[in-house]
Amino acid sequence: MTLRPARFLASPVLIPFALTAATLAGTGPAAADPVAGPDYVPTGYQLAWADEFSGTSVDSSRWSFRTDTKSLSVQRPENVTVGDGIMTIHLCPKGRFGRNCALSGDTGDFYTGGGLISKRNFRYGYYETRAKTNVGSGWHSAFWAAGSADGPRTEIDGFEVDSHAPTMIRHNVIPWTQGYLSEGPYEVGFDTSAAFHTYGFEWREDSVTFYVDGQYAWHTDYSPDTYMHNFLNVWLTAIALKINDQDLVDTSALPGKVQFEYFRFYERDAYADNDAPAGYTEIGTGWLTSSLRGFAGMTARYSCDSGTAGRWTLNPPATGSYAASFYRVGGTGGQADALVTVWDGSTALARMRVDLTVSGSEWVPLRNLSLVGGRTYIVRIDKDGPGCIRADAIKFVRL
């Protein structure tokens, strides 16, 4: 594989709404990272969720099927199969669908493709897959993660390949309604349809970094102060796509297939957020959604009733030292000395009083802690004085 360092250290392509060059300033991976290669995983990460596609059918507890109609194709569940450690998306002519396009039906004037969408939501971590694209023009394959909310949201495209140019790939970070940040299409140095290759991206709180076969490809800053960092579903998909508003599908190459060997998600730090699908609960009455901006553009919650508390649970991915921080959403009416406590079972590891009357929002350090990987820790904010408490986000960042 040939990656040209000068290209990948260049400024990323900017397609703006209200973005600036300063927003896109970026740096490469840390010098202490492991040696590049197909098995590359950034330093400090632990496997948190994976599907190796080792069964004989799609695991419906983990995945939903892509079932929309877009551009030139209808996406059908029957076009996705699992076997021999591979998930295959079958690409079919018009009026055909299923394994090897063996079934006929009324698909209108559309080809059929497909894909999987993870039922689990993810945020910060290292996302990775190993894939081989199809032979023949007219199809768009992608490994991507996207938020489901309307309006501002994040989409990260680990790779996009248009099959008329199988040696070229593209990476995107898209803050919807704010434009998008992009690198490519660029010559990757191999034919993506000829063999399996590894594609990964590391999403950290302030940036996204992309890798191809474990080698650094592109990096962009992506600040939570500017963009919404919501929770993302992973998509592994292939659809028929118009090129310059024309149908360029090579029907002689159908049936075709796009294949994925696995999807893996690794974590280094532990975050908990009131907007997360799980890990946050409220005690007492009077809880409402605040009009103040929460962490990464999401919401915060508040209560002014006595005896209330916000409660987060976190599971650090590995045993080690972590910096614990509380995201303070400050403003008029807040409690001046709200009690925040980190608990290990019935033992208080750290206690701190946080002033919620101060205008503005920021991370407030609590304490550096020695934590056990996989153990459940609890962080609480308790209303025990005048004013309201606000509950938003907690993080344990690996030291």
Protein backbone atom coordinates (compact mmCIF):
# COMPACT_ATOMS: atom_id res chain seq x y z
CA MET A 1 0.00 0.00 0.00
CA THR A 2 1.28 3.48 -0.85
CA LEU A 3 0.26 6.39 1.37
CA ARG A 4 1.95 9.65 0.49
CA PRO A 5 2.78 11.47 3.75
CA ALA A 6 2.73 14.94 2.17
CA ARG A 7 -0.84 14.43 1.03
CA PHE A 8 -2.15 13.28 4.37
CA LEU A 9 -0.57 16.12 6.31
CA ALA A 10 -2.12 18.73 4.03
CA SER A 11 -5.06 20.86 5.10
CA PRO A 12 -8.38 19.02 4.79
CA VAL A 13 -10.92 19.99 2.15
CA LEU A 14 -13.49 22.41 3.53
CA ILE A 15 -16.99 22.74 2.13
CA PRO A 16 -18.30 25.52 4.33
CA PHE A 17 -21.39 26.95 5.79
CA ALA A 18 -19.83 28.90 8.68
CA LEU A 19 -16.57 26.99 9.16
CA THR A 20 -13.12 28.52 9.36
CA ALA A 21 -9.61 27.32 8.61
CA ALA A 22 -8.81 27.42 12.32
CA THR A 23 -11.57 24.90 12.94
CA LEU A 24 -9.77 22.38 10.75
CA ALA A 25 -6.23 22.62 12.10
CA GLY A 26 -5.08 19.08 12.81
CA THR A 27 -2.19 16.92 13.89
CA GLY A 28 -1.29 13.29 13.42
CA PRO A 29 -1.44 10.40 15.89
CA ALA A 30 0.59 10.41 19.08
CA ALA A 31 4.23 9.43 18.76
CA ALA A 32 3.72 6.62 21.27
CA ASP A 33 1.11 4.87 19.12
CA PRO A 34 1.76 1.23 18.09
CA VAL A 35 3.50 0.38 14.85
CA ALA A 36 1.21 0.78 11.83
CA GLY A 37 -0.24 -2.38 10.34
CA PRO A 38 -3.50 -4.25 9.71
CA ASP A 39 -3.86 -5.07 13.44
CA TYR A 40 -3.29 -1.48 14.58
CA VAL A 41 -5.36 -0.22 17.50
CA PRO A 42 -4.48 3.13 19.14
CA THR A 43 -2.71 3.01 22.50
CA GLY A 44 -4.82 2.37 25.59
CA TYR A 45 -7.95 1.05 23.88
CA GLN A 46 -9.91 -2.05 24.92
CA LEU A 47 -12.44 -3.95 22.83
CA ALA A 48 -15.92 -2.94 24.00
CA TRP A 49 -18.30 -4.31 21.33
CA ALA A 50 -17.85 -6.45 18.23
CA ASP A 51 -19.52 -8.70 15.71
CA GLU A 52 -17.18 -11.11 13.92
CA PHE A 53 -20.04 -12.41 11.73
CA SER A 54 -19.23 -15.93 12.88
CA GLY A 55 -22.79 -17.26 12.72
CA THR A 56 -25.00 -18.31 9.84
CA SER A 57 -27.41 -15.35 9.92
CA VAL A 58 -27.53 -11.71 10.91
CA ASP A 59 -27.67 -11.26 14.71
CA SER A 60 -30.96 -9.40 15.05
CA SER A 61 -30.16 -8.46 18.65
CA ARG A 62 -27.27 -6.35 17.36
CA TRP A 63 -28.33 -5.15 13.92
CA SER A 64 -31.26 -3.75 11.96
CA PHE A 65 -31.44 -3.91 8.17
CA ARG A 66 -31.20 -0.88 5.92
CA THR A 67 -34.55 -0.81 4.11
CA ASP A 68 -34.80 2.55 2.36
CA THR A 69 -34.99 3.53 -1.30
CA LYS A 70 -32.19 5.88 -2.32
CA SER A 71 -30.80 6.99 -5.65
CA LEU A 72 -30.99 3.89 -7.91
CA SER A 73 -31.62 1.08 -5.45
CA VAL A 74 -34.05 -0.39 -2.96
CA GLN A 75 -32.32 -1.83 0.11
CA ARG A 76 -33.65 -5.27 1.02
CA PRO A 77 -33.05 -7.43 4.14
CA GLU A 78 -32.84 -10.48 1.87
CA ASN A 79 -29.75 -9.01 0.22
CA VAL A 80 -27.72 -9.33 3.46
CA THR A 81 -26.33 -12.72 4.46
CA VAL A 82 -23.83 -14.01 7.02
CA GLY A 83 -21.65 -17.11 6.69
CA ASP A 84 -18.05 -18.29 6.93
CA GLY A 85 -17.12 -15.27 9.05
CA ILE A 86 -18.27 -12.74 6.45
CA MET A 87 -21.27 -10.45 6.08
CA THR A 88 -22.19 -10.12 2.40
CA ILE A 89 -24.36 -7.47 0.77
CA HIS A 90 -25.65 -8.87 -2.52
CA LEU A 91 -26.02 -6.36 -5.37
CA CYS A 92 -28.77 -7.27 -7.78
CA PRO A 93 -30.22 -6.24 -11.15
CA LYS A 94 -33.59 -4.50 -11.36
CA GLY A 95 -36.41 -6.78 -10.29
CA ARG A 96 -34.09 -9.18 -8.44
CA PHE A 97 -33.10 -9.51 -4.78
CA GLY A 98 -31.85 -11.97 -2.17
CA ARG A 99 -28.85 -14.27 -2.04
CA ASN A 100 -27.24 -14.35 -5.48
CA CYS A 101 -30.24 -12.31 -6.71
CA ALA A 102 -32.23 -15.52 -6.95
CA LEU A 103 -35.62 -13.97 -6.13
CA SER A 104 -37.71 -11.87 -8.45
CA GLY A 105 -40.21 -9.22 -7.45
CA ASP A 106 -41.59 -5.79 -8.07
CA THR A 107 -38.76 -3.40 -7.27
CA GLY A 108 -39.90 -0.86 -9.82
CA ASP A 109 -37.12 0.78 -11.79
CA PHE A 110 -34.59 0.07 -9.04
CA TYR A 111 -31.64 -2.22 -8.44
CA THR A 112 -31.41 -3.78 -4.97
CA GLY A 113 -28.67 -3.34 -2.39
CA GLY A 114 -28.64 -3.46 1.38
CA GLY A 115 -26.80 -3.05 4.63
CA LEU A 116 -26.80 -3.30 8.40
CA ILE A 117 -27.34 -0.62 11.06
CA SER A 118 -26.16 -1.25 14.62
CA LYS A 119 -28.82 -1.16 17.31
CA ARG A 120 -26.23 0.05 19.79
CA ASN A 121 -25.29 3.72 19.86
CA PHE A 122 -21.63 4.70 20.13
CA ARG A 123 -19.69 7.87 20.84
CA TYR A 124 -15.97 8.32 21.52
CA GLY A 125 -13.69 5.41 20.66
CA TYR A 126 -11.95 3.55 17.85
CA TYR A 127 -14.23 2.12 15.14
CA GLU A 128 -12.88 -0.50 12.75
CA THR A 129 -13.98 -2.84 9.97
CA ARG A 130 -12.36 -4.97 7.28
CA ALA A 131 -14.06 -4.83 3.90
CA LYS A 132 -13.88 -5.67 0.21
CA THR A 133 -15.91 -3.66 -2.31
CA ASN A 134 -17.64 -4.88 -5.47
CA VAL A 135 -16.42 -5.29 -9.04
CA GLY A 136 -18.28 -3.19 -11.61
CA SER A 137 -19.33 0.46 -11.70
CA GLY A 138 -22.42 2.14 -10.31
CA TRP A 139 -22.34 1.24 -6.60
CA HIS A 140 -21.49 3.21 -3.46
CA SER A 141 -20.04 1.26 -0.51
CA ALA A 142 -19.53 2.81 2.89
CA PHE A 143 -18.55 2.21 6.51
CA TRP A 144 -20.05 5.08 8.47
CA ALA A 145 -21.62 6.19 11.73
CA ALA A 146 -24.49 8.66 12.01
CA GLY A 147 -26.80 10.21 14.55
CA SER A 148 -30.51 9.68 14.04
CA ALA A 149 -31.71 13.08 15.27
CA ASP A 150 -33.03 15.75 12.94
CA GLY A 151 -31.14 19.03 12.68
CA PRO A 152 -27.55 19.38 13.93
CA ARG A 153 -25.88 16.00 14.34
CA THR A 154 -22.66 14.19 13.59
CA GLU A 155 -21.88 11.77 10.76
CA ILE A 156 -18.44 10.16 10.38
CA ASP A 157 -17.60 8.24 7.18
CA GLY A 158 -14.79 5.76 7.80
CA PHE A 159 -14.65 5.12 4.07
CA GLU A 160 -16.73 5.78 0.99
CA VAL A 161 -15.93 4.07 -2.32
CA ASP A 162 -17.71 4.63 -5.64
CA SER A 163 -17.13 1.47 -7.61
CA HIS A 164 -16.29 3.14 -10.94
CA ALA A 165 -13.06 4.21 -9.16
CA PRO A 166 -12.16 1.30 -6.84
CA THR A 167 -8.67 2.64 -6.07
CA MET A 168 -10.03 5.87 -4.58
CA ILE A 169 -11.59 6.44 -1.17
CA ARG A 170 -13.00 9.36 0.78
CA HIS A 171 -13.29 10.23 4.51
CA ASN A 172 -15.82 12.72 5.87
CA VAL A 173 -16.82 14.27 9.17
CA ILE A 174 -20.20 15.89 8.66
CA PRO A 175 -21.75 18.23 11.23
CA TRP A 176 -25.15 18.34 9.55
CA THR A 177 -26.50 21.88 8.94
CA GLN A 178 -22.93 23.22 9.30
CA GLY A 179 -21.30 21.92 6.10
CA TYR A 180 -18.81 19.07 6.06
CA LEU A 181 -15.13 18.30 6.50
CA SER A 182 -13.66 15.98 3.90
CA GLU A 183 -10.50 14.34 2.59
CA GLY A 184 -10.61 12.81 -0.87
CA PRO A 185 -11.43 11.11 -3.05
CA TYR A 186 -7.74 10.16 -3.15
CA GLU A 187 -5.74 7.27 -4.59
CA VAL A 188 -5.31 4.81 -1.75
CA GLY A 189 -2.69 2.69 -3.50
CA PHE A 190 -4.69 -0.53 -3.96
CA ASP A 191 -7.88 -1.83 -5.57
CA THR A 192 -10.54 -1.92 -2.83
CA SER A 193 -12.44 -4.61 -4.78
CA ALA A 194 -9.48 -7.00 -5.13
CA ALA A 195 -8.93 -7.93 -1.47
CA PHE A 196 -10.00 -7.16 2.08
CA HIS A 197 -8.50 -4.06 3.73
CA THR A 198 -8.85 -2.55 7.19
CA TYR A 199 -10.50 0.84 7.76
CA GLY A 200 -10.70 2.61 11.10
CA PHE A 201 -11.31 5.96 12.71
CA GLU A 202 -10.63 7.24 16.20
CA TRP A 203 -13.20 9.71 17.50
CA ARG A 204 -11.95 11.60 20.51
CA GLU A 205 -13.61 14.49 22.28
CA ASP A 206 -11.79 17.10 20.19
CA SER A 207 -10.89 15.35 16.91
CA VAL A 208 -11.33 12.50 14.44
CA THR A 209 -8.39 10.55 12.96
CA PHE A 210 -8.69 8.05 10.08
CA TYR A 211 -6.57 4.98 9.34
CA VAL A 212 -6.28 2.64 6.34
CA ASP A 213 -4.63 -0.74 7.00
CA GLY A 214 -3.44 0.75 10.28
CA GLN A 215 -1.63 3.66 8.64
CA TYR A 216 -2.53 7.25 9.42
CA ALA A 217 -4.63 8.75 6.63
CA TRP A 218 -6.24 12.00 7.78
CA HIS A 219 -7.05 14.03 10.89
CA THR A 220 -9.39 16.93 11.63
CA ASP A 221 -10.20 18.86 14.77
CA TYR A 222 -13.85 18.48 15.77
CA SER A 223 -14.60 20.55 18.85
CA PRO A 224 -17.63 19.86 21.06
CA ASP A 225 -17.79 23.62 21.66
CA THR A 226 -18.62 24.10 17.97
CA TYR A 227 -20.38 20.92 16.89
CA MET A 228 -22.98 18.55 18.30
CA HIS A 229 -21.46 15.22 19.31
CA ASN A 230 -24.47 12.96 19.55
CA PHE A 231 -24.65 9.18 19.76
CA LEU A 232 -24.09 7.26 16.52
CA ASN A 233 -25.30 4.04 14.93
CA VAL A 234 -22.80 2.22 12.71
CA TRP A 235 -23.81 1.54 9.10
CA LEU A 236 -22.23 -1.06 6.76
CA THR A 237 -23.95 -0.47 3.42
CA ALA A 238 -23.93 -0.64 -0.38
CA ILE A 239 -26.36 1.18 -2.69
CA ALA A 240 -26.64 1.87 -6.43
CA LEU A 241 -25.75 5.49 -7.08
CA LYS A 242 -26.07 7.91 -9.97
CA ILE A 243 -22.81 9.36 -11.27
CA ASN A 244 -23.23 12.82 -12.79
CA ASP A 245 -26.98 12.14 -12.74
CA GLN A 246 -26.57 9.03 -14.91
CA ASP A 247 -27.18 5.33 -14.32
CA LEU A 248 -23.71 3.82 -14.77
CA VAL A 249 -24.40 0.45 -13.15
CA ASP A 250 -22.43 -2.26 -14.95
CA THR A 251 -25.16 -4.87 -15.30
CA SER A 252 -22.66 -7.40 -16.70
CA ALA A 253 -21.02 -7.45 -13.22
CA LEU A 254 -24.28 -8.42 -11.49
CA PRO A 255 -24.91 -10.29 -9.27
CA GLY A 256 -22.22 -8.48 -7.30
CA LYS A 257 -21.25 -8.30 -3.65
CA VAL A 258 -19.69 -6.09 -1.00
CA GLN A 259 -18.29 -7.92 2.01
CA PHE A 260 -17.36 -7.12 5.61
CA GLU A 261 -15.34 -9.44 7.88
CA TYR A 262 -16.24 -7.75 11.18
CA PHE A 263 -17.06 -4.56 13.01
CA ARG A 264 -15.20 -3.72 16.25
CA PHE A 265 -15.54 -0.81 18.66
CA TYR A 266 -12.81 -0.03 21.19
CA GLU A 267 -12.92 2.34 24.17
CA ARG A 268 -10.18 4.11 26.11
CA ASP A 269 -12.16 6.54 28.28
CA ALA A 270 -15.53 6.30 30.02
CA TYR A 271 -18.22 8.91 29.44
CA ALA A 272 -21.74 9.16 30.84
CA ASP A 273 -24.31 11.68 29.67
CA ASN A 274 -27.93 12.46 30.45
CA ASP A 275 -28.56 12.16 26.67
CA ALA A 276 -27.07 8.66 26.47
CA PRO A 277 -29.34 5.67 25.81
CA ALA A 278 -28.35 4.26 29.23
CA GLY A 279 -26.26 5.13 32.28
CA TYR A 280 -28.16 8.12 33.68
CA THR A 281 -31.07 8.25 36.12
CA GLU A 282 -32.82 10.93 38.17
CA ILE A 283 -33.88 10.76 41.81
CA GLY A 284 -36.74 12.88 43.13
CA THR A 285 -39.18 15.22 41.44
CA GLY A 286 -39.24 18.38 39.38
CA TRP A 287 -36.71 17.39 36.73
CA LEU A 288 -36.86 19.42 33.50
CA THR A 289 -34.70 19.97 30.41
CA SER A 290 -32.57 23.09 30.73
CA SER A 291 -32.51 25.84 28.08
CA LEU A 292 -28.74 26.10 28.65
CA ARG A 293 -26.42 24.34 26.20
CA GLY A 294 -25.15 21.03 27.50
CA PHE A 295 -21.91 19.26 26.65
CA ALA A 296 -21.26 18.98 22.88
CA GLY A 297 -24.49 20.75 21.99
CA MET A 298 -26.71 18.22 23.73
CA THR A 299 -29.16 18.88 26.57
CA ALA A 300 -28.75 19.28 30.32
CA ARG A 301 -31.32 18.54 33.02
CA TYR A 302 -32.15 20.46 36.17
CA SER A 303 -34.24 20.26 39.34
CA CYS A 304 -34.96 22.82 42.02
CA ASP A 305 -36.79 20.40 44.35
CA SER A 306 -35.25 19.40 47.67
CA GLY A 307 -33.73 15.94 47.97
CA THR A 308 -33.19 15.43 44.23
CA ALA A 309 -30.12 13.92 42.60
CA GLY A 310 -28.73 13.13 39.16
CA ARG A 311 -26.93 9.80 38.93
CA TRP A 312 -24.52 8.43 36.33
CA THR A 313 -22.98 4.96 36.05
CA LEU A 314 -19.63 4.45 34.32
CA ASN A 315 -17.57 1.36 33.52
CA PRO A 316 -13.91 2.14 32.78
CA PRO A 317 -12.70 -0.14 29.97
CA ALA A 318 -9.44 -1.15 31.67
CA THR A 319 -7.76 -1.05 35.06
CA GLY A 320 -5.63 2.05 35.49
CA SER A 321 -5.48 5.72 36.44
CA TYR A 322 -8.21 8.07 35.23
CA ALA A 323 -8.92 11.78 35.58
CA ALA A 324 -12.53 12.22 36.68
CA SER A 325 -14.33 15.38 35.56
CA PHE A 326 -17.84 16.82 35.94
CA TYR A 327 -19.39 18.96 33.19
CA ARG A 328 -20.65 22.07 34.93
CA VAL A 329 -23.59 23.85 33.29
CA GLY A 330 -23.61 27.17 35.15
CA GLY A 331 -26.00 30.08 35.25
CA THR A 332 -28.53 32.08 37.21
CA GLY A 333 -30.44 30.10 39.80
CA GLY A 334 -27.91 27.33 40.27
CA GLN A 335 -26.80 25.98 43.64
CA ALA A 336 -23.57 27.69 44.68
CA ASP A 337 -22.04 24.61 46.29
CA ALA A 338 -23.63 21.54 44.69
CA LEU A 339 -22.21 18.27 46.00
CA VAL A 340 -20.69 15.91 43.41
CA THR A 341 -19.51 12.50 44.65
CA VAL A 342 -17.78 9.55 42.95
CA TRP A 343 -18.78 6.22 44.52
CA ASP A 344 -17.32 2.73 44.35
CA GLY A 345 -20.21 0.81 45.81
CA SER A 346 -20.73 2.35 49.26
CA THR A 347 -17.27 3.97 49.34
CA ALA A 348 -16.88 7.63 48.37
CA LEU A 349 -13.72 7.99 46.26
CA ALA A 350 -14.03 11.75 45.73
CA ARG A 351 -16.26 14.60 46.89
CA MET A 352 -16.33 18.13 45.54
CA ARG A 353 -18.52 21.22 45.82
CA VAL A 354 -19.25 22.81 42.42
CA ASP A 355 -20.52 26.36 41.92
CA LEU A 356 -23.43 26.22 39.47
CA THR A 357 -24.07 29.97 39.63
CA VAL A 358 -21.06 30.80 37.45
CA SER A 359 -22.10 31.69 33.92
CA GLY A 360 -20.93 29.35 31.16
CA SER A 361 -20.16 25.64 30.91
CA GLU A 362 -16.92 23.70 31.24
CA TRP A 363 -15.33 20.51 32.52
CA VAL A 364 -14.48 20.73 36.23
CA PRO A 365 -11.75 18.31 37.43
CA LEU A 366 -12.80 16.14 40.35
CA ARG A 367 -9.83 13.92 41.15
CA ASN A 368 -7.43 11.40 39.60
CA LEU A 369 -8.60 7.91 40.51
CA SER A 370 -7.27 4.36 40.34
CA LEU A 371 -10.12 2.36 38.83
CA VAL A 372 -10.77 -1.29 38.01
CA GLY A 373 -11.69 -2.14 34.43
CA GLY A 374 -15.28 -3.29 33.99
CA ARG A 375 -16.36 -2.29 37.49
CA THR A 376 -19.40 -0.02 37.81
CA TYR A 377 -18.78 3.36 39.42
CA ILE A 378 -21.46 5.88 40.34
CA VAL A 379 -21.27 9.66 40.19
CA ARG A 380 -24.02 11.75 41.81
CA ILE A 381 -24.91 15.41 42.06
CA ASP A 382 -27.16 16.07 45.06
CA LYS A 383 -29.30 19.11 45.84
CA ASP A 384 -28.63 19.84 49.49
CA GLY A 385 -28.82 23.65 49.56
CA PRO A 386 -30.47 26.73 48.01
CA GLY A 387 -30.72 26.89 44.22
CA CYS A 388 -31.11 24.33 41.45
CA ILE A 389 -28.81 21.49 40.45
CA ARG A 390 -27.99 20.75 36.81
CA ALA A 391 -26.98 17.32 35.52
CA ASP A 392 -25.27 16.76 32.18
CA ALA A 393 -22.08 14.71 31.65
CA ILE A 394 -19.28 12.90 33.48
CA LYS A 395 -16.01 11.50 32.15
CA PHE A 396 -13.14 9.29 33.32
CA VAL A 397 -10.19 9.96 30.99
CA ARG A 398 -7.35 7.45 30.95
CA LEU A 399 -4.02 8.88 32.12
